[in-house]
Amino acid sequence: MIRWIPAVLVSLIWLGLSLRAARARQYWRLLWWLGCWGLSLLTWTPIAFSFGSDSVSVITTHWIAGGIWVLQPLGRGSVDASFWCNILMTVPQGCLLRLNWPRLRWPHWLLAGLATGLSLETGQALGNWLVSLGRWVDINDVITNCTGIVIGAALATLGQHYWSKKFEGD
């Protein structure tokens, strides 16, 4: 039961921010906070999801602070189905980043993506250390989460340009 504490604590924070956005009728912001909540639940619960292959056994890992760490980026066995799923899971957040803060440009998207990946992995590291969460702390997840945020923001930008051009001609 103690292993659920990180997920419960962060859920209370996201719930409060979501309710605040809903009361203010800031629906894009509400979706942003719900997306943050979803990412937190996917990464900070003691339930591990693995879409990896048998190649996981060739990944170089280290035991640090109560958890398994992967410190070598893009090493053998690291680019598998879970690698691509990590990108896909953060694309919606990148879209919402662009919709909520339209003045941000690609360097900001990159920083937001890096902050997202680092926050999620730091949460897993702290969870491993404090409550034996049992999650891998993986540099590849930082890379993939960052990539997903940037792709999502770029897709939202392209979509906004497309729709604005389409409706300008009407």
C-alpha atoms as a PDB file:
ATOM      1  CA  MET A   1       0.000   0.000   0.000  1.00  0.00           C
ATOM      2  CA  ILE A   2       2.843   2.402   0.783  1.00  0.00           C
ATOM      3  CA  ARG A   3       4.043   2.103  -2.819  1.00  0.00           C
ATOM      4  CA  TRP A   4       0.923   3.989  -3.961  1.00  0.00           C
ATOM      5  CA  ILE A   5       1.765   7.122  -1.941  1.00  0.00           C
ATOM      6  CA  PRO A   6       3.536   8.988  -4.801  1.00  0.00           C
ATOM      7  CA  ALA A   7       0.623   8.406  -7.182  1.00  0.00           C
ATOM      8  CA  VAL A   8      -1.948   9.434  -4.575  1.00  0.00           C
ATOM      9  CA  LEU A   9      -0.085  12.613  -3.583  1.00  0.00           C
ATOM     10  CA  VAL A  10       0.458  13.790  -7.134  1.00  0.00           C
ATOM     11  CA  SER A  11      -3.152  12.877  -7.979  1.00  0.00           C
ATOM     12  CA  LEU A  12      -4.371  15.274  -5.308  1.00  0.00           C
ATOM     13  CA  ILE A  13      -2.289  18.063  -6.838  1.00  0.00           C
ATOM     14  CA  TRP A  14      -3.487  17.368 -10.394  1.00  0.00           C
ATOM     15  CA  LEU A  15      -7.075  17.044  -9.179  1.00  0.00           C
ATOM     16  CA  GLY A  16      -6.891  20.470  -7.551  1.00  0.00           C
ATOM     17  CA  LEU A  17      -5.405  22.077 -10.660  1.00  0.00           C
ATOM     18  CA  SER A  18      -7.959  20.323 -12.884  1.00  0.00           C
ATOM     19  CA  LEU A  19     -10.883  21.506 -10.768  1.00  0.00           C
ATOM     20  CA  ARG A  20      -9.537  25.046 -10.782  1.00  0.00           C
ATOM     21  CA  ALA A  21      -9.274  25.034 -14.588  1.00  0.00           C
ATOM     22  CA  ALA A  22     -12.760  23.546 -14.926  1.00  0.00           C
ATOM     23  CA  ARG A  23     -14.279  26.201 -12.651  1.00  0.00           C
ATOM     24  CA  ALA A  24     -12.562  28.889 -14.746  1.00  0.00           C
ATOM     25  CA  ARG A  25     -13.889  27.202 -17.931  1.00  0.00           C
ATOM     26  CA  GLN A  26     -10.341  26.868 -19.238  1.00  0.00           C
ATOM     27  CA  TYR A  27     -10.954  23.628 -21.069  1.00  0.00           C
ATOM     28  CA  TRP A  28      -7.622  23.379 -22.891  1.00  0.00           C
ATOM     29  CA  ARG A  29      -5.892  23.955 -19.552  1.00  0.00           C
ATOM     30  CA  LEU A  30      -8.132  21.343 -17.942  1.00  0.00           C
ATOM     31  CA  LEU A  31      -7.028  18.838 -20.584  1.00  0.00           C
ATOM     32  CA  TRP A  32      -3.408  19.823 -19.931  1.00  0.00           C
ATOM     33  CA  TRP A  33      -3.712  19.067 -16.207  1.00  0.00           C
ATOM     34  CA  LEU A  34      -5.582  15.822 -16.886  1.00  0.00           C
ATOM     35  CA  GLY A  35      -2.791  14.845 -19.287  1.00  0.00           C
ATOM     36  CA  CYS A  36      -0.197  15.567 -16.596  1.00  0.00           C
ATOM     37  CA  TRP A  37      -2.230  13.441 -14.236  1.00  0.00           C
ATOM     38  CA  GLY A  38      -2.375  10.586 -16.733  1.00  0.00           C
ATOM     39  CA  LEU A  39       1.367  10.687 -17.361  1.00  0.00           C
ATOM     40  CA  SER A  40       2.003  10.687 -13.621  1.00  0.00           C
ATOM     41  CA  LEU A  41      -0.231   7.681 -13.110  1.00  0.00           C
ATOM     42  CA  LEU A  42       1.464   5.821 -15.952  1.00  0.00           C
ATOM     43  CA  THR A  43       4.889   6.430 -14.479  1.00  0.00           C
ATOM     44  CA  TRP A  44       4.496   6.758 -10.701  1.00  0.00           C
ATOM     45  CA  THR A  45       2.342   3.770  -9.824  1.00  0.00           C
ATOM     46  CA  PRO A  46       3.878   0.501  -8.672  1.00  0.00           C
ATOM     47  CA  ILE A  47       2.369  -1.172 -11.727  1.00  0.00           C
ATOM     48  CA  ALA A  48       4.962  -1.420 -14.485  1.00  0.00           C
ATOM     49  CA  PHE A  49       3.901  -1.570 -18.111  1.00  0.00           C
ATOM     50  CA  SER A  50       6.293  -3.238 -20.495  1.00  0.00           C
ATOM     51  CA  PHE A  51       5.997  -3.346 -24.238  1.00  0.00           C
ATOM     52  CA  GLY A  52       9.627  -4.319 -24.536  1.00  0.00           C
ATOM     53  CA  SER A  53      11.011  -7.331 -26.221  1.00  0.00           C
ATOM     54  CA  ASP A  54      13.405 -10.069 -25.220  1.00  0.00           C
ATOM     55  CA  SER A  55      16.222  -7.614 -25.947  1.00  0.00           C
ATOM     56  CA  VAL A  56      15.751  -6.095 -22.461  1.00  0.00           C
ATOM     57  CA  SER A  57      18.344  -8.568 -21.189  1.00  0.00           C
ATOM     58  CA  VAL A  58      21.072  -6.837 -23.219  1.00  0.00           C
ATOM     59  CA  ILE A  59      20.403  -3.385 -21.738  1.00  0.00           C
ATOM     60  CA  THR A  60      23.142  -2.228 -19.367  1.00  0.00           C
ATOM     61  CA  THR A  61      21.530  -1.400 -16.030  1.00  0.00           C
ATOM     62  CA  HIS A  62      22.720  -0.160 -12.649  1.00  0.00           C
ATOM     63  CA  TRP A  63      21.207  -0.598  -9.194  1.00  0.00           C
ATOM     64  CA  ILE A  64      21.026   2.870  -7.620  1.00  0.00           C
ATOM     65  CA  ALA A  65      18.957   4.105  -4.662  1.00  0.00           C
ATOM     66  CA  GLY A  66      16.565   1.190  -4.592  1.00  0.00           C
ATOM     67  CA  GLY A  67      15.909   0.967  -8.312  1.00  0.00           C
ATOM     68  CA  ILE A  68      17.175  -0.059 -11.705  1.00  0.00           C
ATOM     69  CA  TRP A  69      18.702   2.725 -13.776  1.00  0.00           C
ATOM     70  CA  VAL A  70      19.513   2.812 -17.480  1.00  0.00           C
ATOM     71  CA  LEU A  71      22.155   5.483 -18.047  1.00  0.00           C
ATOM     72  CA  GLN A  72      23.318   4.681 -21.588  1.00  0.00           C
ATOM     73  CA  PRO A  73      21.133   6.452 -24.147  1.00  0.00           C
ATOM     74  CA  LEU A  74      19.974   4.464 -27.162  1.00  0.00           C
ATOM     75  CA  GLY A  75      21.972   1.413 -26.151  1.00  0.00           C
ATOM     76  CA  ARG A  76      21.474  -2.107 -27.448  1.00  0.00           C
ATOM     77  CA  GLY A  77      17.958  -3.302 -26.754  1.00  0.00           C
ATOM     78  CA  SER A  78      16.649   0.143 -25.800  1.00  0.00           C
ATOM     79  CA  VAL A  79      14.828   0.943 -29.018  1.00  0.00           C
ATOM     80  CA  ASP A  80      11.840  -1.394 -28.888  1.00  0.00           C
ATOM     81  CA  ALA A  81       8.051  -1.059 -28.768  1.00  0.00           C
ATOM     82  CA  SER A  82       8.141   0.673 -25.368  1.00  0.00           C
ATOM     83  CA  PHE A  83      10.506   3.273 -26.820  1.00  0.00           C
ATOM     84  CA  TRP A  84       7.932   4.218 -29.459  1.00  0.00           C
ATOM     85  CA  CYS A  85       5.027   4.011 -26.991  1.00  0.00           C
ATOM     86  CA  ASN A  86       6.814   6.533 -24.755  1.00  0.00           C
ATOM     87  CA  ILE A  87       6.928   8.965 -27.650  1.00  0.00           C
ATOM     88  CA  LEU A  88       3.255   8.395 -28.472  1.00  0.00           C
ATOM     89  CA  MET A  89       2.091   8.873 -24.885  1.00  0.00           C
ATOM     90  CA  THR A  90       3.531  12.403 -24.728  1.00  0.00           C
ATOM     91  CA  VAL A  91       2.408  13.635 -28.176  1.00  0.00           C
ATOM     92  CA  PRO A  92      -1.018  14.742 -26.823  1.00  0.00           C
ATOM     93  CA  GLN A  93       0.719  16.751 -24.090  1.00  0.00           C
ATOM     94  CA  GLY A  94       2.795  18.476 -26.759  1.00  0.00           C
ATOM     95  CA  CYS A  95      -0.378  19.380 -28.660  1.00  0.00           C
ATOM     96  CA  LEU A  96      -1.908  20.735 -25.465  1.00  0.00           C
ATOM     97  CA  LEU A  97       1.270  22.676 -24.717  1.00  0.00           C
ATOM     98  CA  ARG A  98       0.874  24.485 -28.040  1.00  0.00           C
ATOM     99  CA  LEU A  99      -2.866  25.072 -27.558  1.00  0.00           C
ATOM    100  CA  ASN A 100      -2.441  26.435 -24.034  1.00  0.00           C
ATOM    101  CA  TRP A 101       0.633  28.554 -24.670  1.00  0.00           C
ATOM    102  CA  PRO A 102       0.585  29.477 -28.388  1.00  0.00           C
ATOM    103  CA  ARG A 103       3.423  32.007 -28.142  1.00  0.00           C
ATOM    104  CA  LEU A 104       5.965  29.365 -27.196  1.00  0.00           C
ATOM    105  CA  ARG A 105       8.321  28.306 -29.998  1.00  0.00           C
ATOM    106  CA  TRP A 106      10.402  25.203 -30.604  1.00  0.00           C
ATOM    107  CA  PRO A 107      13.162  25.980 -28.064  1.00  0.00           C
ATOM    108  CA  HIS A 108      10.451  26.257 -25.405  1.00  0.00           C
ATOM    109  CA  TRP A 109       8.868  23.009 -26.608  1.00  0.00           C
ATOM    110  CA  LEU A 110      12.249  21.337 -26.267  1.00  0.00           C
ATOM    111  CA  LEU A 111      12.664  22.670 -22.728  1.00  0.00           C
ATOM    112  CA  ALA A 112       9.104  21.634 -21.822  1.00  0.00           C
ATOM    113  CA  GLY A 113       9.759  18.162 -23.209  1.00  0.00           C
ATOM    114  CA  LEU A 114      13.010  17.881 -21.302  1.00  0.00           C
ATOM    115  CA  ALA A 115      11.277  19.080 -18.116  1.00  0.00           C
ATOM    116  CA  THR A 116       8.511  16.512 -18.659  1.00  0.00           C
ATOM    117  CA  GLY A 117      10.919  13.620 -19.133  1.00  0.00           C
ATOM    118  CA  LEU A 118      13.135  14.664 -16.242  1.00  0.00           C
ATOM    119  CA  SER A 119      10.145  15.181 -13.946  1.00  0.00           C
ATOM    120  CA  LEU A 120       8.697  11.766 -14.705  1.00  0.00           C
ATOM    121  CA  GLU A 121      12.015   9.969 -14.286  1.00  0.00           C
ATOM    122  CA  THR A 122      12.919  11.962 -11.161  1.00  0.00           C
ATOM    123  CA  GLY A 123       9.552  10.993  -9.699  1.00  0.00           C
ATOM    124  CA  GLN A 124      10.307   7.355 -10.427  1.00  0.00           C
ATOM    125  CA  ALA A 125      13.768   7.648  -8.878  1.00  0.00           C
ATOM    126  CA  LEU A 126      12.364   9.268  -5.736  1.00  0.00           C
ATOM    127  CA  GLY A 127       9.586   6.687  -5.598  1.00  0.00           C
ATOM    128  CA  ASN A 128      12.145   3.881  -5.837  1.00  0.00           C
ATOM    129  CA  TRP A 129      14.240   5.425  -3.098  1.00  0.00           C
ATOM    130  CA  LEU A 130      11.398   6.336  -0.722  1.00  0.00           C
ATOM    131  CA  VAL A 131       8.804   3.577  -1.176  1.00  0.00           C
ATOM    132  CA  SER A 132      10.449   0.907  -3.368  1.00  0.00           C
ATOM    133  CA  LEU A 133       8.240   1.809  -6.323  1.00  0.00           C
ATOM    134  CA  GLY A 134       9.944  -0.782  -8.514  1.00  0.00           C
ATOM    135  CA  ARG A 135      10.194   1.318 -11.668  1.00  0.00           C
ATOM    136  CA  TRP A 136      13.135   1.642 -14.058  1.00  0.00           C
ATOM    137  CA  VAL A 137      14.738   5.083 -14.275  1.00  0.00           C
ATOM    138  CA  ASP A 138      15.746   5.310 -17.917  1.00  0.00           C
ATOM    139  CA  ILE A 139      17.559   8.057 -19.826  1.00  0.00           C
ATOM    140  CA  ASN A 140      15.816   6.789 -22.964  1.00  0.00           C
ATOM    141  CA  ASP A 141      12.473   7.719 -21.407  1.00  0.00           C
ATOM    142  CA  VAL A 142      13.679  11.297 -20.981  1.00  0.00           C
ATOM    143  CA  ILE A 143      14.635  11.344 -24.665  1.00  0.00           C
ATOM    144  CA  THR A 144      11.371   9.791 -25.847  1.00  0.00           C
ATOM    145  CA  ASN A 145       9.162  11.949 -23.626  1.00  0.00           C
ATOM    146  CA  CYS A 146      10.942  15.063 -24.868  1.00  0.00           C
ATOM    147  CA  THR A 147      10.582  13.899 -28.470  1.00  0.00           C
ATOM    148  CA  GLY A 148       6.852  13.275 -28.018  1.00  0.00           C
ATOM    149  CA  ILE A 149       6.273  16.750 -26.579  1.00  0.00           C
ATOM    150  CA  VAL A 150       8.131  18.410 -29.484  1.00  0.00           C
ATOM    151  CA  ILE A 151       6.313  16.295 -32.098  1.00  0.00           C
ATOM    152  CA  GLY A 152       2.947  17.077 -30.494  1.00  0.00           C
ATOM    153  CA  ALA A 153       3.610  20.815 -30.392  1.00  0.00           C
ATOM    154  CA  ALA A 154       4.794  20.743 -34.009  1.00  0.00           C
ATOM    155  CA  LEU A 155       1.695  18.803 -35.096  1.00  0.00           C
ATOM    156  CA  ALA A 156      -0.583  21.267 -33.304  1.00  0.00           C
ATOM    157  CA  THR A 157       1.235  24.143 -34.993  1.00  0.00           C
ATOM    158  CA  LEU A 158       0.832  22.532 -38.405  1.00  0.00           C
ATOM    159  CA  GLY A 159      -2.824  21.826 -37.674  1.00  0.00           C
ATOM    160  CA  GLN A 160      -3.448  25.422 -36.628  1.00  0.00           C
ATOM    161  CA  HIS A 161      -1.772  26.734 -39.795  1.00  0.00           C
ATOM    162  CA  TYR A 162      -3.763  24.311 -41.947  1.00  0.00           C
ATOM    163  CA  TRP A 163      -7.103  25.232 -40.375  1.00  0.00           C
ATOM    164  CA  SER A 164      -6.397  28.971 -40.431  1.00  0.00           C
ATOM    165  CA  LYS A 165      -5.484  28.804 -44.164  1.00  0.00           C
ATOM    166  CA  LYS A 166      -8.477  26.619 -44.929  1.00  0.00           C
ATOM    167  CA  PHE A 167     -10.933  28.990 -43.298  1.00  0.00           C
ATOM    168  CA  GLU A 168      -9.266  32.191 -44.561  1.00  0.00           C
ATOM    169  CA  GLY A 169     -10.142  31.219 -48.115  1.00  0.00           C
ATOM    170  CA  ASP A 170     -13.825  30.678 -47.273  1.00  0.00           C
END
